[in-house]
Amino acid sequence: MPSWLALIFTFAVSGLLHDLAIMAVRRELGLLVTPWFTIVGIAVVVSSHFEWNAEGYAWPVRATSNLAAILASLAIALTLTAHAGVGF
């Protein structure tokens, strides 16, 4: 398996484990963390491929860009799960 695919798969499985824990506590079916983490994994692969990074910037800029990426991926996951009817 290519390393980029293994990385995405690792994020997806981690998300699924989180979703399973949430489903066990809530006692209802739903997915949110699995697509969210999968999107983050894809973003990591794409940003690595194009060598996008913020290494040369001050930590507040890096923190802001990372937070923006995390929140954007959450917004996408929320939209996808709402349209698919599988969200919490």
N, C-alpha and C. Protein backbone atom coordinates (compact mmCIF):
# COMPACT_ATOMS: atom_id res chain seq x y z
N MET A 1 0.85 -1.17 0.00
CA MET A 1 0.00 0.00 0.00
C MET A 1 0.90 1.24 0.00
N PRO A 2 0.63 2.20 -0.88
CA PRO A 2 1.44 3.42 -0.89
C PRO A 2 1.32 4.17 0.44
N SER A 3 2.39 4.85 0.82
CA SER A 3 2.41 5.54 2.11
C SER A 3 1.32 6.61 2.21
N TRP A 4 1.02 7.30 1.09
CA TRP A 4 0.00 8.34 1.14
C TRP A 4 -1.37 7.73 1.44
N LEU A 5 -1.63 6.56 0.87
CA LEU A 5 -2.91 5.89 1.10
C LEU A 5 -2.97 5.35 2.53
N ALA A 6 -1.85 4.83 3.03
CA ALA A 6 -1.79 4.35 4.40
C ALA A 6 -2.06 5.49 5.38
N LEU A 7 -1.56 6.67 5.08
CA LEU A 7 -1.79 7.82 5.95
C LEU A 7 -3.27 8.18 5.98
N ILE A 8 -3.92 8.25 4.83
CA ILE A 8 -5.35 8.55 4.77
C ILE A 8 -6.15 7.47 5.49
N PHE A 9 -5.78 6.22 5.26
CA PHE A 9 -6.46 5.09 5.90
C PHE A 9 -6.32 5.17 7.42
N THR A 10 -5.13 5.55 7.90
CA THR A 10 -4.90 5.69 9.34
C THR A 10 -5.81 6.76 9.93
N PHE A 11 -5.92 7.90 9.27
CA PHE A 11 -6.82 8.95 9.73
C PHE A 11 -8.26 8.45 9.74
N ALA A 12 -8.66 7.76 8.68
CA ALA A 12 -10.05 7.28 8.58
C ALA A 12 -10.37 6.27 9.67
N VAL A 13 -9.48 5.34 9.92
CA VAL A 13 -9.71 4.33 10.96
C VAL A 13 -9.75 5.00 12.34
N SER A 14 -8.89 5.96 12.56
CA SER A 14 -8.92 6.69 13.83
C SER A 14 -10.26 7.39 14.00
N GLY A 15 -10.74 8.01 12.93
CA GLY A 15 -12.04 8.66 12.99
C GLY A 15 -13.16 7.68 13.26
N LEU A 16 -13.09 6.51 12.62
CA LEU A 16 -14.11 5.48 12.84
C LEU A 16 -14.12 5.01 14.29
N LEU A 17 -12.95 4.84 14.88
CA LEU A 17 -12.88 4.44 16.29
C LEU A 17 -13.51 5.50 17.18
N HIS A 18 -13.26 6.77 16.87
CA HIS A 18 -13.89 7.85 17.63
C HIS A 18 -15.42 7.82 17.45
N ASP A 19 -15.87 7.62 16.22
CA ASP A 19 -17.31 7.55 15.97
C ASP A 19 -17.94 6.37 16.69
N LEU A 20 -17.26 5.23 16.72
CA LEU A 20 -17.79 4.06 17.42
C LEU A 20 -17.94 4.35 18.91
N ALA A 21 -16.97 5.06 19.49
CA ALA A 21 -17.07 5.42 20.90
C ALA A 21 -18.25 6.36 21.13
N ILE A 22 -18.43 7.33 20.24
CA ILE A 22 -19.56 8.26 20.36
C ILE A 22 -20.87 7.51 20.22
N MET A 23 -20.95 6.60 19.25
CA MET A 23 -22.18 5.84 19.05
C MET A 23 -22.49 4.96 20.26
N ALA A 24 -21.46 4.42 20.90
CA ALA A 24 -21.68 3.59 22.07
C ALA A 24 -22.25 4.41 23.22
N VAL A 25 -21.76 5.61 23.38
CA VAL A 25 -22.24 6.47 24.46
C VAL A 25 -23.64 6.99 24.16
N ARG A 26 -23.85 7.43 22.92
CA ARG A 26 -25.15 8.02 22.55
C ARG A 26 -26.21 6.98 22.22
N ARG A 27 -25.76 5.77 21.95
CA ARG A 27 -26.66 4.67 21.57
C ARG A 27 -27.51 5.01 20.35
N GLU A 28 -26.86 5.64 19.39
CA GLU A 28 -27.50 5.92 18.10
C GLU A 28 -26.42 5.91 17.02
N LEU A 29 -26.85 5.59 15.80
CA LEU A 29 -25.91 5.54 14.69
C LEU A 29 -25.64 6.94 14.18
N GLY A 30 -24.43 7.16 13.78
CA GLY A 30 -24.06 8.44 13.21
C GLY A 30 -22.57 8.49 12.91
N LEU A 31 -22.23 9.30 11.98
CA LEU A 31 -20.83 9.49 11.61
C LEU A 31 -20.55 10.99 11.52
N LEU A 32 -19.45 11.39 12.03
CA LEU A 32 -18.96 12.74 11.83
C LEU A 32 -17.44 12.74 11.82
N VAL A 33 -16.86 12.06 12.80
CA VAL A 33 -15.41 12.11 12.95
C VAL A 33 -14.71 11.35 11.83
N THR A 34 -15.32 10.26 11.35
CA THR A 34 -14.70 9.49 10.27
C THR A 34 -14.50 10.33 9.01
N PRO A 35 -15.55 10.98 8.49
CA PRO A 35 -15.30 11.82 7.31
C PRO A 35 -14.39 13.01 7.62
N TRP A 36 -14.53 13.57 8.82
CA TRP A 36 -13.70 14.71 9.20
C TRP A 36 -12.23 14.33 9.18
N PHE A 37 -11.88 13.24 9.87
CA PHE A 37 -10.48 12.82 9.91
C PHE A 37 -9.98 12.39 8.53
N THR A 38 -10.85 11.79 7.73
CA THR A 38 -10.45 11.41 6.38
C THR A 38 -10.11 12.64 5.55
N ILE A 39 -10.91 13.68 5.67
CA ILE A 39 -10.64 14.93 4.96
C ILE A 39 -9.32 15.53 5.43
N VAL A 40 -9.07 15.50 6.73
CA VAL A 40 -7.80 16.00 7.26
C VAL A 40 -6.63 15.19 6.70
N GLY A 41 -6.80 13.86 6.63
CA GLY A 41 -5.75 13.02 6.06
C GLY A 41 -5.46 13.36 4.61
N ILE A 42 -6.53 13.59 3.85
CA ILE A 42 -6.36 13.98 2.44
C ILE A 42 -5.64 15.32 2.36
N ALA A 43 -6.01 16.24 3.23
CA ALA A 43 -5.35 17.56 3.24
C ALA A 43 -3.87 17.44 3.57
N VAL A 44 -3.52 16.55 4.49
CA VAL A 44 -2.11 16.33 4.83
C VAL A 44 -1.35 15.80 3.61
N VAL A 45 -1.95 14.84 2.91
CA VAL A 45 -1.29 14.26 1.73
C VAL A 45 -1.12 15.32 0.64
N VAL A 46 -2.18 16.09 0.38
CA VAL A 46 -2.10 17.11 -0.68
C VAL A 46 -1.08 18.18 -0.31
N SER A 47 -1.13 18.66 0.94
CA SER A 47 -0.19 19.72 1.34
C SER A 47 1.26 19.22 1.32
N SER A 48 1.46 17.97 1.67
CA SER A 48 2.81 17.40 1.60
C SER A 48 3.28 17.27 0.15
N HIS A 49 2.38 16.82 -0.71
CA HIS A 49 2.73 16.65 -2.12
C HIS A 49 3.18 17.98 -2.75
N PHE A 50 2.45 19.04 -2.45
CA PHE A 50 2.78 20.34 -3.02
C PHE A 50 3.77 21.13 -2.15
N GLU A 51 4.24 20.50 -1.08
CA GLU A 51 5.21 21.10 -0.16
C GLU A 51 4.72 22.43 0.40
N TRP A 52 3.43 22.46 0.74
CA TRP A 52 2.87 23.64 1.40
C TRP A 52 3.14 23.52 2.89
N ASN A 53 3.78 24.52 3.45
CA ASN A 53 3.99 24.54 4.89
C ASN A 53 4.15 25.98 5.35
N ALA A 54 4.12 26.16 6.64
CA ALA A 54 4.22 27.50 7.22
C ALA A 54 5.42 27.57 8.16
N GLU A 55 6.44 26.79 7.86
CA GLU A 55 7.61 26.72 8.74
C GLU A 55 8.27 28.07 8.98
N GLY A 56 8.29 28.93 7.98
CA GLY A 56 9.00 30.19 8.10
C GLY A 56 8.21 31.29 8.79
N TYR A 57 7.01 30.99 9.21
CA TYR A 57 6.14 32.00 9.82
C TYR A 57 6.15 31.89 11.34
N ALA A 58 5.78 32.98 11.99
CA ALA A 58 5.69 33.00 13.45
C ALA A 58 4.58 32.04 13.90
N TRP A 59 4.68 31.56 15.14
CA TRP A 59 3.73 30.56 15.62
C TRP A 59 2.29 31.03 15.57
N PRO A 60 1.96 32.31 15.80
CA PRO A 60 0.54 32.69 15.70
C PRO A 60 -0.01 32.50 14.28
N VAL A 61 0.81 32.72 13.28
CA VAL A 61 0.38 32.52 11.90
C VAL A 61 0.19 31.03 11.64
N ARG A 62 1.14 30.22 12.10
CA ARG A 62 1.02 28.77 11.92
C ARG A 62 -0.21 28.23 12.66
N ALA A 63 -0.40 28.69 13.88
CA ALA A 63 -1.55 28.23 14.66
C ALA A 63 -2.86 28.62 13.98
N THR A 64 -2.92 29.84 13.47
CA THR A 64 -4.14 30.31 12.80
C THR A 64 -4.40 29.53 11.52
N SER A 65 -3.37 29.27 10.75
CA SER A 65 -3.57 28.52 9.51
C SER A 65 -3.97 27.08 9.80
N ASN A 66 -3.38 26.47 10.82
CA ASN A 66 -3.77 25.10 11.19
C ASN A 66 -5.21 25.06 11.70
N LEU A 67 -5.58 26.02 12.53
CA LEU A 67 -6.95 26.07 13.04
C LEU A 67 -7.94 26.27 11.90
N ALA A 68 -7.60 27.13 10.96
CA ALA A 68 -8.48 27.36 9.81
C ALA A 68 -8.66 26.09 8.99
N ALA A 69 -7.58 25.35 8.79
CA ALA A 69 -7.68 24.09 8.03
C ALA A 69 -8.52 23.06 8.76
N ILE A 70 -8.35 22.96 10.07
CA ILE A 70 -9.12 22.01 10.87
C ILE A 70 -10.60 22.37 10.84
N LEU A 71 -10.90 23.66 11.02
CA LEU A 71 -12.31 24.09 11.01
C LEU A 71 -12.94 23.97 9.63
N ALA A 72 -12.17 24.22 8.58
CA ALA A 72 -12.69 24.07 7.22
C ALA A 72 -13.02 22.60 6.95
N SER A 73 -12.15 21.70 7.38
CA SER A 73 -12.42 20.27 7.17
C SER A 73 -13.63 19.83 8.00
N LEU A 74 -13.80 20.39 9.19
CA LEU A 74 -14.98 20.08 9.99
C LEU A 74 -16.24 20.58 9.30
N ALA A 75 -16.19 21.78 8.74
CA ALA A 75 -17.36 22.32 8.03
C ALA A 75 -17.73 21.45 6.84
N ILE A 76 -16.74 20.97 6.12
CA ILE A 76 -17.00 20.08 4.98
C ILE A 76 -17.63 18.77 5.48
N ALA A 77 -17.07 18.21 6.55
CA ALA A 77 -17.60 16.95 7.09
C ALA A 77 -19.04 17.14 7.60
N LEU A 78 -19.31 18.24 8.25
CA LEU A 78 -20.67 18.51 8.73
C LEU A 78 -21.64 18.61 7.56
N THR A 79 -21.22 19.28 6.50
CA THR A 79 -22.07 19.42 5.32
C THR A 79 -22.32 18.06 4.67
N LEU A 80 -21.27 17.27 4.50
CA LEU A 80 -21.42 15.95 3.87
C LEU A 80 -22.31 15.03 4.68
N THR A 81 -22.11 14.99 6.00
CA THR A 81 -22.92 14.08 6.82
C THR A 81 -24.36 14.56 6.91
N ALA A 82 -24.59 15.86 6.88
CA ALA A 82 -25.96 16.38 6.91
C ALA A 82 -26.69 16.01 5.62
N HIS A 83 -26.00 16.17 4.49
CA HIS A 83 -26.62 15.82 3.20
C HIS A 83 -26.86 14.32 3.07
N ALA A 84 -25.96 13.53 3.66
CA ALA A 84 -26.12 12.07 3.59
C ALA A 84 -27.07 11.56 4.66
N GLY A 85 -27.41 12.40 5.63
CA GLY A 85 -28.32 11.99 6.69
C GLY A 85 -27.71 11.03 7.69
N VAL A 86 -26.39 11.09 7.86
CA VAL A 86 -25.72 10.17 8.77
C VAL A 86 -25.05 10.88 9.93
N GLY A 87 -25.18 12.19 10.02
CA GLY A 87 -24.52 12.95 11.08
C GLY A 87 -25.22 12.81 12.41
N PHE A 88 -24.55 13.25 13.44
CA PHE A 88 -25.15 13.22 14.78
C PHE A 88 -26.07 14.40 14.96
